[in-house]
Full PDB file with SEQRES, HELIX, SHEET, SSBOND, CRYST1, ORIGX, SCALE, CONECT and MASTER records, all heavy atoms in Angstrom:
SEQRES   1 A   40  VAL ASP ILE ARG ALA SER LYS GLN THR VAL GLU VAL LEU          
SEQRES   2 A   40  TYR GLN ARG GLN LEU LEU ALA SER HIS GLU ARG SER HIS          
SEQRES   3 A   40  GLU VAL GLY THR ILE PHE LYS LEU ASP ALA HIS LEU PRO          
SEQRES   4 A   40  ALA                                                          
HELIX    1 AA1 ASP A   35  HIS A   37  5                                   3    
SHEET    1 AA1 3 ASP A   2  ALA A   5  0                                        
SHEET    2 AA1 3 THR A   9  TYR A  14 -1                                        
SHEET    3 AA1 3 GLN A  17  GLU A  23 -1                                        
CRYST1    1.000    1.000    1.000  90.00  90.00  90.00 P 1           1          
ORIGX1      1.000000  0.000000  0.000000        0.00000                         
ORIGX2      0.000000  1.000000  0.000000        0.00000                         
ORIGX3      0.000000  0.000000  1.000000        0.00000                         
SCALE1      1.000000  0.000000  0.000000        0.00000                         
SCALE2      0.000000  1.000000  0.000000        0.00000                         
SCALE3      0.000000  0.000000  1.000000        0.00000                         
ATOM      1  N   VAL A   1      10.593  20.459  91.283  1.00  0.00           N  
ATOM      2  CA  VAL A   1      11.512  21.320  90.503  1.00  0.00           C  
ATOM      3  C   VAL A   1      10.901  22.727  90.227  1.00  0.00           C  
ATOM      4  O   VAL A   1       9.694  22.893  90.409  1.00  0.00           O  
ATOM      5  CB  VAL A   1      11.875  20.638  89.178  1.00  0.00           C  
ATOM      6  CG1 VAL A   1      12.608  19.309  89.380  1.00  0.00           C  
ATOM      7  CG2 VAL A   1      10.627  20.400  88.305  1.00  0.00           C  
ATOM      8  N   ASP A   2      11.694  23.628  89.774  1.00  0.00           N  
ATOM      9  CA  ASP A   2      11.245  24.922  89.299  1.00  0.00           C  
ATOM     10  C   ASP A   2      11.348  25.020  87.771  1.00  0.00           C  
ATOM     11  O   ASP A   2      12.304  24.444  87.140  1.00  0.00           O  
ATOM     12  CB  ASP A   2      12.071  26.052  89.950  1.00  0.00           C  
ATOM     13  CG  ASP A   2      11.967  26.082  91.428  1.00  0.00           C  
ATOM     14  OD1 ASP A   2      10.929  25.657  91.968  1.00  0.00           O  
ATOM     15  OD2 ASP A   2      13.016  26.324  92.101  1.00  0.00           O  
ATOM     16  N   ILE A   3      10.453  25.720  87.149  1.00  0.00           N  
ATOM     17  CA  ILE A   3      10.463  25.889  85.683  1.00  0.00           C  
ATOM     18  C   ILE A   3      10.651  27.370  85.361  1.00  0.00           C  
ATOM     19  O   ILE A   3       9.997  28.258  85.927  1.00  0.00           O  
ATOM     20  CB  ILE A   3       9.127  25.428  85.079  1.00  0.00           C  
ATOM     21  CG1 ILE A   3       8.855  23.941  85.450  1.00  0.00           C  
ATOM     22  CG2 ILE A   3       9.186  25.568  83.560  1.00  0.00           C  
ATOM     23  CD1 ILE A   3       7.427  23.500  84.992  1.00  0.00           C  
ATOM     24  N   ARG A   4      11.623  27.587  84.474  1.00  0.00           N  
ATOM     25  CA  ARG A   4      11.874  28.953  83.946  1.00  0.00           C  
ATOM     26  C   ARG A   4      11.668  28.947  82.420  1.00  0.00           C  
ATOM     27  O   ARG A   4      12.399  28.225  81.777  1.00  0.00           O  
ATOM     28  CB  ARG A   4      13.279  29.355  84.298  1.00  0.00           C  
ATOM     29  CG  ARG A   4      13.673  30.780  83.780  1.00  0.00           C  
ATOM     30  CD  ARG A   4      15.054  31.172  84.256  1.00  0.00           C  
ATOM     31  NE  ARG A   4      16.107  30.258  83.851  1.00  0.00           N  
ATOM     32  CZ  ARG A   4      17.300  30.144  84.497  1.00  0.00           C  
ATOM     33  NH1 ARG A   4      17.551  31.012  85.466  1.00  0.00           N  
ATOM     34  NH2 ARG A   4      18.204  29.313  84.062  1.00  0.00           N  
ATOM     35  N   ALA A   5      10.732  29.747  81.947  1.00  0.00           N  
ATOM     36  CA  ALA A   5      10.404  29.709  80.532  1.00  0.00           C  
ATOM     37  C   ALA A   5      10.567  31.103  79.958  1.00  0.00           C  
ATOM     38  O   ALA A   5      10.052  32.084  80.421  1.00  0.00           O  
ATOM     39  CB  ALA A   5       8.949  29.238  80.303  1.00  0.00           C  
ATOM     40  N   SER A   6      11.364  31.119  78.821  1.00  0.00           N  
ATOM     41  CA  SER A   6      11.501  32.349  78.036  1.00  0.00           C  
ATOM     42  C   SER A   6      10.675  32.149  76.763  1.00  0.00           C  
ATOM     43  O   SER A   6       9.989  31.171  76.577  1.00  0.00           O  
ATOM     44  CB  SER A   6      12.958  32.565  77.774  1.00  0.00           C  
ATOM     45  OG  SER A   6      13.439  31.640  76.833  1.00  0.00           O  
ATOM     46  N   LYS A   7      10.849  33.094  75.807  1.00  0.00           N  
ATOM     47  CA  LYS A   7      10.156  32.970  74.595  1.00  0.00           C  
ATOM     48  C   LYS A   7      10.664  31.778  73.783  1.00  0.00           C  
ATOM     49  O   LYS A   7       9.914  31.199  72.952  1.00  0.00           O  
ATOM     50  CB  LYS A   7      10.218  34.248  73.753  1.00  0.00           C  
ATOM     51  CG  LYS A   7       9.527  35.416  74.395  1.00  0.00           C  
ATOM     52  CD  LYS A   7       9.708  36.675  73.523  1.00  0.00           C  
ATOM     53  CE  LYS A   7       8.951  37.861  74.151  1.00  0.00           C  
ATOM     54  NZ  LYS A   7       9.092  39.112  73.341  1.00  0.00           N  
ATOM     55  N   GLN A   8      12.002  31.479  74.001  1.00  0.00           N  
ATOM     56  CA  GLN A   8      12.585  30.403  73.200  1.00  0.00           C  
ATOM     57  C   GLN A   8      12.803  29.094  73.872  1.00  0.00           C  
ATOM     58  O   GLN A   8      12.856  28.079  73.237  1.00  0.00           O  
ATOM     59  CB  GLN A   8      13.960  30.911  72.621  1.00  0.00           C  
ATOM     60  CG  GLN A   8      13.898  32.009  71.617  1.00  0.00           C  
ATOM     61  CD  GLN A   8      13.674  33.405  72.219  1.00  0.00           C  
ATOM     62  OE1 GLN A   8      14.090  33.634  73.350  1.00  0.00           O  
ATOM     63  NE2 GLN A   8      13.031  34.259  71.474  1.00  0.00           N  
ATOM     64  N   THR A   9      12.977  29.114  75.189  1.00  0.00           N  
ATOM     65  CA  THR A   9      13.383  27.906  75.888  1.00  0.00           C  
ATOM     66  C   THR A   9      12.443  27.643  77.096  1.00  0.00           C  
ATOM     67  O   THR A   9      11.858  28.547  77.695  1.00  0.00           O  
ATOM     68  CB  THR A   9      14.823  27.977  76.360  1.00  0.00           C  
ATOM     69  OG1 THR A   9      14.942  29.106  77.269  1.00  0.00           O  
ATOM     70  CG2 THR A   9      15.755  28.152  75.187  1.00  0.00           C  
ATOM     71  N   VAL A  10      12.457  26.371  77.494  1.00  0.00           N  
ATOM     72  CA  VAL A  10      11.885  25.890  78.796  1.00  0.00           C  
ATOM     73  C   VAL A  10      13.029  25.223  79.547  1.00  0.00           C  
ATOM     74  O   VAL A  10      13.527  24.243  79.107  1.00  0.00           O  
ATOM     75  CB  VAL A  10      10.703  24.975  78.605  1.00  0.00           C  
ATOM     76  CG1 VAL A  10      10.209  24.415  79.963  1.00  0.00           C  
ATOM     77  CG2 VAL A  10       9.563  25.710  77.878  1.00  0.00           C  
ATOM     78  N   GLU A  11      13.370  25.760  80.720  1.00  0.00           N  
ATOM     79  CA  GLU A  11      14.423  25.251  81.563  1.00  0.00           C  
ATOM     80  C   GLU A  11      13.883  24.730  82.857  1.00  0.00           C  
ATOM     81  O   GLU A  11      12.966  25.299  83.415  1.00  0.00           O  
ATOM     82  CB  GLU A  11      15.525  26.268  81.843  1.00  0.00           C  
ATOM     83  CG  GLU A  11      16.188  26.794  80.556  1.00  0.00           C  
ATOM     84  CD  GLU A  11      17.242  27.844  80.845  1.00  0.00           C  
ATOM     85  OE1 GLU A  11      17.041  28.626  81.842  1.00  0.00           O  
ATOM     86  OE2 GLU A  11      18.203  27.938  80.138  1.00  0.00           O  
ATOM     87  N   VAL A  12      14.445  23.589  83.280  1.00  0.00           N  
ATOM     88  CA  VAL A  12      13.997  22.946  84.536  1.00  0.00           C  
ATOM     89  C   VAL A  12      15.180  23.054  85.559  1.00  0.00           C  
ATOM     90  O   VAL A  12      16.310  22.624  85.195  1.00  0.00           O  
ATOM     91  CB  VAL A  12      13.576  21.538  84.372  1.00  0.00           C  
ATOM     92  CG1 VAL A  12      12.978  20.940  85.598  1.00  0.00           C  
ATOM     93  CG2 VAL A  12      12.533  21.453  83.200  1.00  0.00           C  
ATOM     94  N   LEU A  13      14.937  23.516  86.755  1.00  0.00           N  
ATOM     95  CA  LEU A  13      15.953  23.656  87.784  1.00  0.00           C  
ATOM     96  C   LEU A  13      15.654  22.888  88.981  1.00  0.00           C  
ATOM     97  O   LEU A  13      14.417  22.836  89.432  1.00  0.00           O  
ATOM     98  CB  LEU A  13      16.172  25.132  88.097  1.00  0.00           C  
ATOM     99  CG  LEU A  13      16.677  26.007  86.987  1.00  0.00           C  
ATOM    100  CD1 LEU A  13      15.506  26.712  86.262  1.00  0.00           C  
ATOM    101  CD2 LEU A  13      17.652  27.055  87.463  1.00  0.00           C  
ATOM    102  N   TYR A  14      16.629  22.259  89.578  1.00  0.00           N  
ATOM    103  CA  TYR A  14      16.433  21.561  90.857  1.00  0.00           C  
ATOM    104  C   TYR A  14      17.409  22.139  91.828  1.00  0.00           C  
ATOM    105  O   TYR A  14      18.613  22.092  91.612  1.00  0.00           O  
ATOM    106  CB  TYR A  14      16.693  20.049  90.663  1.00  0.00           C  
ATOM    107  CG  TYR A  14      16.635  19.223  91.917  1.00  0.00           C  
ATOM    108  CD1 TYR A  14      15.428  18.952  92.505  1.00  0.00           C  
ATOM    109  CD2 TYR A  14      17.779  18.743  92.540  1.00  0.00           C  
ATOM    110  CE1 TYR A  14      15.329  18.202  93.668  1.00  0.00           C  
ATOM    111  CE2 TYR A  14      17.726  17.972  93.741  1.00  0.00           C  
ATOM    112  CZ  TYR A  14      16.526  17.753  94.272  1.00  0.00           C  
ATOM    113  OH  TYR A  14      16.439  17.008  95.438  1.00  0.00           O  
ATOM    114  N   GLN A  15      16.869  22.753  92.901  1.00  0.00           N  
ATOM    115  CA  GLN A  15      17.694  23.446  93.915  1.00  0.00           C  
ATOM    116  C   GLN A  15      18.631  24.445  93.247  1.00  0.00           C  
ATOM    117  O   GLN A  15      19.840  24.469  93.468  1.00  0.00           O  
ATOM    118  CB  GLN A  15      18.486  22.407  94.743  1.00  0.00           C  
ATOM    119  CG  GLN A  15      17.551  21.559  95.553  1.00  0.00           C  
ATOM    120  CD  GLN A  15      18.268  20.541  96.455  1.00  0.00           C  
ATOM    121  OE1 GLN A  15      19.494  20.431  96.419  1.00  0.00           O  
ATOM    122  NE2 GLN A  15      17.524  19.773  97.262  1.00  0.00           N  
ATOM    123  N   ARG A  16      18.057  25.177  92.269  1.00  0.00           N  
ATOM    124  CA  ARG A  16      18.746  26.244  91.536  1.00  0.00           C  
ATOM    125  C   ARG A  16      19.828  25.693  90.590  1.00  0.00           C  
ATOM    126  O   ARG A  16      20.551  26.486  89.991  1.00  0.00           O  
ATOM    127  CB  ARG A  16      19.353  27.289  92.473  1.00  0.00           C  
ATOM    128  CG  ARG A  16      18.286  28.058  93.273  1.00  0.00           C  
ATOM    129  CD  ARG A  16      18.858  29.264  93.966  1.00  0.00           C  
ATOM    130  NE  ARG A  16      19.460  30.201  93.067  1.00  0.00           N  
ATOM    131  CZ  ARG A  16      18.776  31.085  92.296  1.00  0.00           C  
ATOM    132  NH1 ARG A  16      17.449  31.040  92.374  1.00  0.00           N  
ATOM    133  NH2 ARG A  16      19.384  31.919  91.515  1.00  0.00           N  
ATOM    134  N   GLN A  17      19.891  24.377  90.358  1.00  0.00           N  
ATOM    135  CA  GLN A  17      20.835  23.887  89.425  1.00  0.00           C  
ATOM    136  C   GLN A  17      20.056  23.422  88.144  1.00  0.00           C  
ATOM    137  O   GLN A  17      18.989  22.823  88.263  1.00  0.00           O  
ATOM    138  CB  GLN A  17      21.585  22.649  90.034  1.00  0.00           C  
ATOM    139  CG  GLN A  17      22.421  22.974  91.162  1.00  0.00           C  
ATOM    140  CD  GLN A  17      23.532  23.941  90.936  1.00  0.00           C  
ATOM    141  OE1 GLN A  17      24.211  23.862  89.884  1.00  0.00           O  
ATOM    142  NE2 GLN A  17      23.636  24.932  91.779  1.00  0.00           N  
ATOM    143  N   LEU A  18      20.617  23.756  86.989  1.00  0.00           N  
ATOM    144  CA  LEU A  18      19.907  23.465  85.708  1.00  0.00           C  
ATOM    145  C   LEU A  18      19.883  21.953  85.477  1.00  0.00           C  
ATOM    146  O   LEU A  18      20.940  21.342  85.409  1.00  0.00           O  
ATOM    147  CB  LEU A  18      20.574  24.176  84.567  1.00  0.00           C  
ATOM    148  CG  LEU A  18      19.928  24.028  83.207  1.00  0.00           C  
ATOM    149  CD1 LEU A  18      18.508  24.636  83.240  1.00  0.00           C  
ATOM    150  CD2 LEU A  18      20.777  24.673  82.107  1.00  0.00           C  
ATOM    151  N   LEU A  19      18.711  21.372  85.349  1.00  0.00           N  
ATOM    152  CA  LEU A  19      18.558  19.980  85.035  1.00  0.00           C  
ATOM    153  C   LEU A  19      18.379  19.729  83.512  1.00  0.00           C  
ATOM    154  O   LEU A  19      18.907  18.773  82.988  1.00  0.00           O  
ATOM    155  CB  LEU A  19      17.311  19.379  85.735  1.00  0.00           C  
ATOM    156  CG  LEU A  19      17.404  19.058  87.172  1.00  0.00           C  
ATOM    157  CD1 LEU A  19      16.162  18.365  87.631  1.00  0.00           C  
ATOM    158  CD2 LEU A  19      18.629  18.213  87.489  1.00  0.00           C  
ATOM    159  N   ALA A  20      17.540  20.556  82.884  1.00  0.00           N  
ATOM    160  CA  ALA A  20      17.208  20.318  81.490  1.00  0.00           C  
ATOM    161  C   ALA A  20      16.824  21.623  80.777  1.00  0.00           C  
ATOM    162  O   ALA A  20      16.360  22.565  81.444  1.00  0.00           O  
ATOM    163  CB  ALA A  20      15.994  19.367  81.405  1.00  0.00           C  
ATOM    164  N   SER A  21      17.104  21.687  79.494  1.00  0.00           N  
ATOM    165  CA  SER A  21      16.793  22.832  78.710  1.00  0.00           C  
ATOM    166  C   SER A  21      16.189  22.328  77.385  1.00  0.00           C  
ATOM    167  O   SER A  21      16.757  21.518  76.700  1.00  0.00           O  
ATOM    168  CB  SER A  21      18.010  23.694  78.425  1.00  0.00           C  
ATOM    169  OG  SER A  21      17.687  24.812  77.624  1.00  0.00           O  
ATOM    170  N   HIS A  22      15.011  22.839  77.061  1.00  0.00           N  
ATOM    171  CA  HIS A  22      14.270  22.411  75.836  1.00  0.00           C  
ATOM    172  C   HIS A  22      13.929  23.646  75.012  1.00  0.00           C  
ATOM    173  O   HIS A  22      13.699  24.730  75.557  1.00  0.00           O  
ATOM    174  CB  HIS A  22      12.985  21.730  76.199  1.00  0.00           C  
ATOM    175  CG  HIS A  22      13.142  20.419  76.906  1.00  0.00           C  
ATOM    176  ND1 HIS A  22      13.164  19.220  76.252  1.00  0.00           N  
ATOM    177  CD2 HIS A  22      13.255  20.154  78.208  1.00  0.00           C  
ATOM    178  CE1 HIS A  22      13.275  18.225  77.136  1.00  0.00           C  
ATOM    179  NE2 HIS A  22      13.341  18.788  78.314  1.00  0.00           N  
ATOM    180  N   GLU A  23      13.903  23.458  73.749  1.00  0.00           N  
ATOM    181  CA  GLU A  23      13.349  24.513  72.881  1.00  0.00           C  
ATOM    182  C   GLU A  23      11.839  24.605  73.113  1.00  0.00           C  
ATOM    183  O   GLU A  23      11.193  23.586  73.111  1.00  0.00           O  
ATOM    184  CB  GLU A  23      13.629  24.205  71.426  1.00  0.00           C  
ATOM    185  CG  GLU A  23      13.178  25.296  70.424  1.00  0.00           C  
ATOM    186  CD  GLU A  23      13.566  25.002  69.005  1.00  0.00           C  
ATOM    187  OE1 GLU A  23      14.296  24.045  68.750  1.00  0.00           O  
ATOM    188  OE2 GLU A  23      12.984  25.732  68.138  1.00  0.00           O  
ATOM    189  N   ARG A  24      11.341  25.768  73.392  1.00  0.00           N  
ATOM    190  CA  ARG A  24       9.928  25.922  73.724  1.00  0.00           C  
ATOM    191  C   ARG A  24       9.044  25.771  72.468  1.00  0.00           C  
ATOM    192  O   ARG A  24       9.321  26.369  71.424  1.00  0.00           O  
ATOM    193  CB  ARG A  24       9.743  27.284  74.365  1.00  0.00           C  
ATOM    194  CG  ARG A  24       8.296  27.511  74.814  1.00  0.00           C  
ATOM    195  CD  ARG A  24       8.089  28.771  75.621  1.00  0.00           C  
ATOM    196  NE  ARG A  24       6.742  28.939  76.035  1.00  0.00           N  
ATOM    197  CZ  ARG A  24       6.337  29.977  76.825  1.00  0.00           C  
ATOM    198  NH1 ARG A  24       7.245  30.834  77.229  1.00  0.00           N  
ATOM    199  NH2 ARG A  24       5.060  30.107  77.182  1.00  0.00           N  
ATOM    200  N   SER A  25       8.034  25.021  72.631  1.00  0.00           N  
ATOM    201  CA  SER A  25       7.015  24.902  71.622  1.00  0.00           C  
ATOM    202  C   SER A  25       5.784  25.699  71.956  1.00  0.00           C  
ATOM    203  O   SER A  25       5.352  25.681  73.089  1.00  0.00           O  
ATOM    204  CB  SER A  25       6.626  23.405  71.434  1.00  0.00           C  
ATOM    205  OG  SER A  25       5.534  23.279  70.568  1.00  0.00           O  
ATOM    206  N   HIS A  26       5.224  26.428  71.021  1.00  0.00           N  
ATOM    207  CA  HIS A  26       4.051  27.246  71.214  1.00  0.00           C  
ATOM    208  C   HIS A  26       2.776  26.512  70.700  1.00  0.00           C  
ATOM    209  O   HIS A  26       1.766  27.091  70.655  1.00  0.00           O  
ATOM    210  CB  HIS A  26       4.222  28.558  70.607  1.00  0.00           C  
ATOM    211  CG  HIS A  26       5.293  29.412  71.272  1.00  0.00           C  
ATOM    212  ND1 HIS A  26       5.104  30.057  72.480  1.00  0.00           N  
ATOM    213  CD2 HIS A  26       6.595  29.589  70.964  1.00  0.00           C  
ATOM    214  CE1 HIS A  26       6.231  30.669  72.848  1.00  0.00           C  
ATOM    215  NE2 HIS A  26       7.160  30.365  71.899  1.00  0.00           N  
ATOM    216  N   GLU A  27       2.960  25.249  70.276  1.00  0.00           N  
ATOM    217  CA  GLU A  27       1.851  24.369  69.982  1.00  0.00           C  
ATOM    218  C   GLU A  27       1.434  23.682  71.268  1.00  0.00           C  
ATOM    219  O   GLU A  27       2.078  23.812  72.264  1.00  0.00           O  
ATOM    220  CB  GLU A  27       2.181  23.419  68.877  1.00  0.00           C  
ATOM    221  CG  GLU A  27       2.545  24.063  67.558  1.00  0.00           C  
ATOM    222  CD  GLU A  27       2.903  23.080  66.467  1.00  0.00           C  
ATOM    223  OE1 GLU A  27       2.894  21.888  66.748  1.00  0.00           O  
ATOM    224  OE2 GLU A  27       3.208  23.516  65.335  1.00  0.00           O  
ATOM    225  N   VAL A  28       0.349  22.939  71.207  1.00  0.00           N  
ATOM    226  CA  VAL A  28      -0.173  22.345  72.427  1.00  0.00           C  
ATOM    227  C   VAL A  28      -0.335  20.781  72.214  1.00  0.00           C  
ATOM    228  O   VAL A  28      -0.667  20.371  71.125  1.00  0.00           O  
ATOM    229  CB  VAL A  28      -1.566  22.910  72.834  1.00  0.00           C  
ATOM    230  CG1 VAL A  28      -2.176  22.236  74.001  1.00  0.00           C  
ATOM    231  CG2 VAL A  28      -1.475  24.443  73.096  1.00  0.00           C  
ATOM    232  N   GLY A  29       0.005  20.061  73.285  1.00  0.00           N  
ATOM    233  CA  GLY A  29      -0.290  18.630  73.287  1.00  0.00           C  
ATOM    234  C   GLY A  29       0.939  17.769  72.794  1.00  0.00           C  
ATOM    235  O   GLY A  29       0.708  16.655  72.378  1.00  0.00           O  
ATOM    236  N   THR A  30       2.167  18.324  72.959  1.00  0.00           N  
ATOM    237  CA  THR A  30       3.331  17.569  72.500  1.00  0.00           C  
ATOM    238  C   THR A  30       4.186  17.173  73.739  1.00  0.00           C  
ATOM    239  O   THR A  30       4.245  17.927  74.723  1.00  0.00           O  
ATOM    240  CB  THR A  30       4.209  18.472  71.573  1.00  0.00           C  
ATOM    241  OG1 THR A  30       3.354  18.895  70.500  1.00  0.00           O  
ATOM    242  CG2 THR A  30       5.317  17.650  70.991  1.00  0.00           C  
ATOM    243  N   ILE A  31       4.782  16.011  73.667  1.00  0.00           N  
ATOM    244  CA  ILE A  31       5.748  15.534  74.672  1.00  0.00           C  
ATOM    245  C   ILE A  31       7.161  15.634  74.109  1.00  0.00           C  
ATOM    246  O   ILE A  31       7.418  15.126  73.035  1.00  0.00           O  
ATOM    247  CB  ILE A  31       5.439  14.090  75.128  1.00  0.00           C  
ATOM    248  CG1 ILE A  31       4.068  14.029  75.752  1.00  0.00           C  
ATOM    249  CG2 ILE A  31       6.463  13.569  76.036  1.00  0.00           C  
ATOM    250  CD1 ILE A  31       3.629  12.594  76.129  1.00  0.00           C  
ATOM    251  N   PHE A  32       8.003  16.302  74.859  1.00  0.00           N  
ATOM    252  CA  PHE A  32       9.409  16.503  74.441  1.00  0.00           C  
ATOM    253  C   PHE A  32      10.272  15.720  75.404  1.00  0.00           C  
ATOM    254  O   PHE A  32      10.456  16.107  76.539  1.00  0.00           O  
ATOM    255  CB  PHE A  32       9.767  17.966  74.403  1.00  0.00           C  
ATOM    256  CG  PHE A  32       9.006  18.778  73.412  1.00  0.00           C  
ATOM    257  CD1 PHE A  32       7.782  19.395  73.799  1.00  0.00           C  
ATOM    258  CD2 PHE A  32       9.445  18.957  72.121  1.00  0.00           C  
ATOM    259  CE1 PHE A  32       7.100  20.125  72.887  1.00  0.00           C  
ATOM    260  CE2 PHE A  32       8.687  19.681  71.174  1.00  0.00           C  
ATOM    261  CZ  PHE A  32       7.515  20.301  71.552  1.00  0.00           C  
ATOM    262  N   LYS A  33      10.804  14.577  74.924  1.00  0.00           N  
ATOM    263  CA  LYS A  33      11.603  13.716  75.813  1.00  0.00           C  
ATOM    264  C   LYS A  33      12.962  13.526  75.150  1.00  0.00           C  
ATOM    265  O   LYS A  33      13.040  12.968  73.999  1.00  0.00           O  
ATOM    266  CB  LYS A  33      10.923  12.384  76.002  1.00  0.00           C  
ATOM    267  CG  LYS A  33      11.483  11.503  77.079  1.00  0.00           C  
ATOM    268  CD  LYS A  33      10.648  10.265  77.350  1.00  0.00           C  
ATOM    269  CE  LYS A  33       9.563  10.506  78.328  1.00  0.00           C  
ATOM    270  NZ  LYS A  33       8.902   9.229  78.775  1.00  0.00           N  
ATOM    271  N   LEU A  34      14.047  13.904  75.813  1.00  0.00           N  
ATOM    272  CA  LEU A  34      15.396  13.794  75.310  1.00  0.00           C  
ATOM    273  C   LEU A  34      15.926  12.434  75.588  1.00  0.00           C  
ATOM    274  O   LEU A  34      15.729  11.881  76.748  1.00  0.00           O  
ATOM    275  CB  LEU A  34      16.334  14.844  75.960  1.00  0.00           C  
ATOM    276  CG  LEU A  34      15.937  16.299  75.651  1.00  0.00           C  
ATOM    277  CD1 LEU A  34      16.914  17.262  76.311  1.00  0.00           C  
ATOM    278  CD2 LEU A  34      15.852  16.577  74.173  1.00  0.00           C  
ATOM    279  N   ASP A  35      16.661  11.828  74.677  1.00  0.00           N  
ATOM    280  CA  ASP A  35      17.236  10.464  74.850  1.00  0.00           C  
ATOM    281  C   ASP A  35      18.212  10.474  76.084  1.00  0.00           C  
ATOM    282  O   ASP A  35      18.292   9.433  76.776  1.00  0.00           O  
ATOM    283  CB  ASP A  35      18.003  10.087  73.581  1.00  0.00           C  
ATOM    284  CG  ASP A  35      17.121   9.802  72.400  1.00  0.00           C  
ATOM    285  OD1 ASP A  35      15.922   9.599  72.646  1.00  0.00           O  
ATOM    286  OD2 ASP A  35      17.610   9.825  71.248  1.00  0.00           O  
ATOM    287  N   ALA A  36      18.909  11.610  76.296  1.00  0.00           N  
ATOM    288  CA  ALA A  36      19.862  11.602  77.419  1.00  0.00           C  
ATOM    289  C   ALA A  36      19.115  11.515  78.807  1.00  0.00           C  
ATOM    290  O   ALA A  36      19.774  11.220  79.792  1.00  0.00           O  
ATOM    291  CB  ALA A  36      20.637  12.972  77.360  1.00  0.00           C  
ATOM    292  N   HIS A  37      17.814  11.799  78.796  1.00  0.00           N  
ATOM    293  CA  HIS A  37      17.105  11.708  80.057  1.00  0.00           C  
ATOM    294  C   HIS A  37      16.553  10.291  80.351  1.00  0.00           C  
ATOM    295  O   HIS A  37      16.021  10.026  81.449  1.00  0.00           O  
ATOM    296  CB  HIS A  37      15.910  12.683  80.013  1.00  0.00           C  
ATOM    297  CG  HIS A  37      16.382  14.125  79.969  1.00  0.00           C  
ATOM    298  ND1 HIS A  37      15.554  15.176  79.591  1.00  0.00           N  
ATOM    299  CD2 HIS A  37      17.619  14.653  80.254  1.00  0.00           C  
ATOM    300  CE1 HIS A  37      16.207  16.279  79.639  1.00  0.00           C  
ATOM    301  NE2 HIS A  37      17.432  16.029  80.024  1.00  0.00           N  
ATOM    302  N   LEU A  38      16.598   9.353  79.397  1.00  0.00           N  
ATOM    303  CA  LEU A  38      16.052   8.088  79.567  1.00  0.00           C  
ATOM    304  C   LEU A  38      16.989   7.166  80.350  1.00  0.00           C  
ATOM    305  O   LEU A  38      18.216   7.299  80.315  1.00  0.00           O  
ATOM    306  CB  LEU A  38      15.774   7.451  78.198  1.00  0.00           C  
ATOM    307  CG  LEU A  38      14.899   8.234  77.195  1.00  0.00           C  
ATOM    308  CD1 LEU A  38      14.822   7.509  75.892  1.00  0.00           C  
ATOM    309  CD2 LEU A  38      13.525   8.429  77.818  1.00  0.00           C  
ATOM    310  N   PRO A  39      16.456   6.247  81.120  1.00  0.00           N  
ATOM    311  CA  PRO A  39      17.289   5.220  81.795  1.00  0.00           C  
ATOM    312  C   PRO A  39      17.997   4.313  80.790  1.00  0.00           C  
ATOM    313  O   PRO A  39      17.496   4.162  79.650  1.00  0.00           O  
ATOM    314  CB  PRO A  39      16.357   4.477  82.680  1.00  0.00           C  
ATOM    315  CG  PRO A  39      15.016   4.652  82.033  1.00  0.00           C  
ATOM    316  CD  PRO A  39      15.016   6.035  81.426  1.00  0.00           C  
ATOM    317  N   ALA A  40      19.124   3.720  81.175  1.00  0.00           N  
ATOM    318  CA  ALA A  40      19.842   2.873  80.246  1.00  0.00           C  
ATOM    319  C   ALA A  40      19.009   1.633  79.786  1.00  0.00           C  
ATOM    320  O   ALA A  40      19.086   1.270  78.616  1.00  0.00           O  
ATOM    321  CB  ALA A  40      21.149   2.385  80.908  1.00  0.00           C  
TER     322      ALA A  40                                                      
MASTER        0    0    0    1    3    0    0    6  321    1    0    4          
END                                                                             
């Protein structure tokens, strides 16, 4: 995938299609996992 990061967001793209968008954290060592991304 490709990653596009602005000051506010981190976006993940697959073949130029947006897969995920997260609010960017400027701290270190955190995992951001959205419930919608989890398997059933």
